[in-house]
Amino acid sequence: MRLVIDTSKVTFTVGRDVQPRTDQNGVQRVERNTNIPMWSVQLVAMDDGGAEVINVTVAAPQPPKVAIGSLVTPVELQAIPWAQNGRNGVAFRASEIKAVAGSKSGSAASAS
């Protein structure tokens, strides 16, 4: 079951540099059916109720081109519930992370 999240009222900001998604041996994970490398993007999700930090997995040949502090849109963001060895949680996955048009990543507005 795919649980796609409505992100229309949420603002997403990149929290840290994109990281390869690795297994316990430090080897980058790949998508099962395609062998495309997987990447982890830390996002700060903010809405009227506050903010939450989430890690979103994206499968892409190259890491998403996003910078810390830039506004982004996760495309087809999914919540994937999991349970393993008595632990459980929610994993997040998106088909793509797009920079928001006009977002000036990492630069401060200059005052005159």
Protein backbone atom coordinates (compact mmCIF):
# COMPACT_ATOMS: atom_id res chain seq x y z
CA MET A 1 0.00 0.00 0.00
CA ARG A 2 1.28 3.46 -0.93
CA LEU A 3 0.50 6.20 1.57
CA VAL A 4 1.21 9.41 -0.35
CA ILE A 5 1.33 12.51 1.83
CA ASP A 6 -0.47 15.75 0.93
CA THR A 7 2.36 18.29 1.13
CA SER A 8 0.40 21.28 -0.18
CA LYS A 9 0.42 23.07 3.20
CA VAL A 10 3.94 22.06 4.28
CA THR A 11 7.20 23.92 3.68
CA PHE A 12 10.35 21.80 3.35
CA THR A 13 13.90 23.03 3.93
CA VAL A 14 17.07 20.96 3.44
CA GLY A 15 18.69 20.30 6.83
CA ARG A 16 22.07 18.81 5.80
CA ASP A 17 24.04 17.68 2.76
CA VAL A 18 22.63 14.74 0.80
CA GLN A 19 24.13 11.45 2.01
CA PRO A 20 24.37 8.05 0.28
CA ARG A 21 21.93 5.57 1.87
CA THR A 22 24.21 2.80 3.18
CA ASP A 23 23.85 -0.64 4.71
CA GLN A 24 25.48 -1.79 7.97
CA ASN A 25 28.77 -2.36 6.09
CA GLY A 26 28.88 1.16 4.65
CA VAL A 27 27.98 0.04 1.12
CA GLN A 28 25.54 2.31 -0.72
CA ARG A 29 22.12 0.71 -1.07
CA VAL A 30 20.49 0.36 -4.48
CA GLU A 31 16.85 -0.02 -5.44
CA ARG A 32 16.00 -3.72 -5.81
CA ASN A 33 14.41 -3.72 -9.26
CA THR A 34 16.50 -1.04 -10.96
CA ASN A 35 19.92 -1.04 -9.21
CA ILE A 36 19.66 2.76 -9.00
CA PRO A 37 21.62 4.20 -6.01
CA MET A 38 19.62 5.49 -3.04
CA TRP A 39 20.23 8.81 -1.28
CA SER A 40 19.08 10.22 2.07
CA VAL A 41 17.93 13.84 2.26
CA GLN A 42 17.25 15.39 5.66
CA LEU A 43 14.30 17.78 5.48
CA VAL A 44 12.77 20.12 8.02
CA ALA A 45 9.01 19.96 7.43
CA MET A 46 7.07 22.98 8.76
CA ASP A 47 3.34 23.61 8.88
CA ASP A 48 0.88 25.44 11.17
CA GLY A 49 1.44 22.79 13.85
CA GLY A 50 5.22 23.22 14.08
CA ALA A 51 8.27 21.54 12.58
CA GLU A 52 9.63 18.01 12.31
CA VAL A 53 12.88 16.67 10.90
CA ILE A 54 12.46 13.74 8.50
CA ASN A 55 14.91 11.74 6.42
CA VAL A 56 13.64 11.08 2.92
CA THR A 57 15.06 8.37 0.65
CA VAL A 58 15.34 9.09 -3.07
CA ALA A 59 16.54 6.66 -5.77
CA ALA A 60 18.53 8.51 -8.47
CA PRO A 61 21.68 7.94 -10.53
CA GLN A 62 23.17 11.13 -9.00
CA PRO A 63 22.47 12.79 -5.63
CA PRO A 64 19.69 15.40 -5.67
CA LYS A 65 21.13 18.86 -6.38
CA VAL A 66 19.90 20.68 -3.27
CA ALA A 67 21.77 22.79 -0.75
CA ILE A 68 21.46 23.18 3.02
CA GLY A 69 18.83 25.80 3.82
CA SER A 70 17.18 25.69 0.40
CA LEU A 71 13.42 25.32 0.01
CA VAL A 72 12.46 22.10 -1.76
CA THR A 73 9.45 20.05 -2.78
CA PRO A 74 9.49 16.28 -2.27
CA VAL A 75 7.65 14.73 -5.24
CA GLU A 76 5.23 11.87 -4.42
CA LEU A 77 6.30 11.82 -0.76
CA GLN A 78 5.28 8.51 0.83
CA ALA A 79 5.05 7.37 4.44
CA ILE A 80 6.09 3.73 4.79
CA PRO A 81 5.29 2.16 8.18
CA TRP A 82 7.74 -0.54 9.29
CA ALA A 83 8.27 -2.97 12.16
CA GLN A 84 11.36 -5.10 12.78
CA ASN A 85 12.77 -6.87 15.85
CA GLY A 86 10.30 -5.21 18.21
CA ARG A 87 11.02 -1.73 16.84
CA ASN A 88 8.79 0.27 14.54
CA GLY A 89 8.57 3.61 12.83
CA VAL A 90 7.83 5.38 9.59
CA ALA A 91 10.24 5.68 6.67
CA PHE A 92 9.82 8.42 4.08
CA ARG A 93 10.47 8.10 0.38
CA ALA A 94 10.06 10.46 -2.58
CA SER A 95 10.49 9.96 -6.31
CA GLU A 96 12.43 13.23 -6.48
CA ILE A 97 13.45 16.27 -4.42
CA LYS A 98 13.05 19.49 -6.43
CA ALA A 99 14.42 22.90 -5.53
CA VAL A 100 11.68 25.53 -5.24
CA ALA A 101 11.97 28.08 -8.05
CA GLY A 102 13.42 31.35 -6.80
CA SER A 103 14.87 29.78 -3.65
CA LYS A 104 18.30 31.25 -2.93
CA SER A 105 20.10 28.38 -1.22
CA GLY A 106 22.67 29.32 1.35
CA SER A 107 22.63 33.06 0.62
CA ALA A 108 21.35 35.75 2.89
CA ALA A 109 19.37 38.70 1.62
CA SER A 110 21.43 41.86 1.70
CA ALA A 111 20.08 44.92 3.44
CA SER A 112 20.69 48.33 1.87
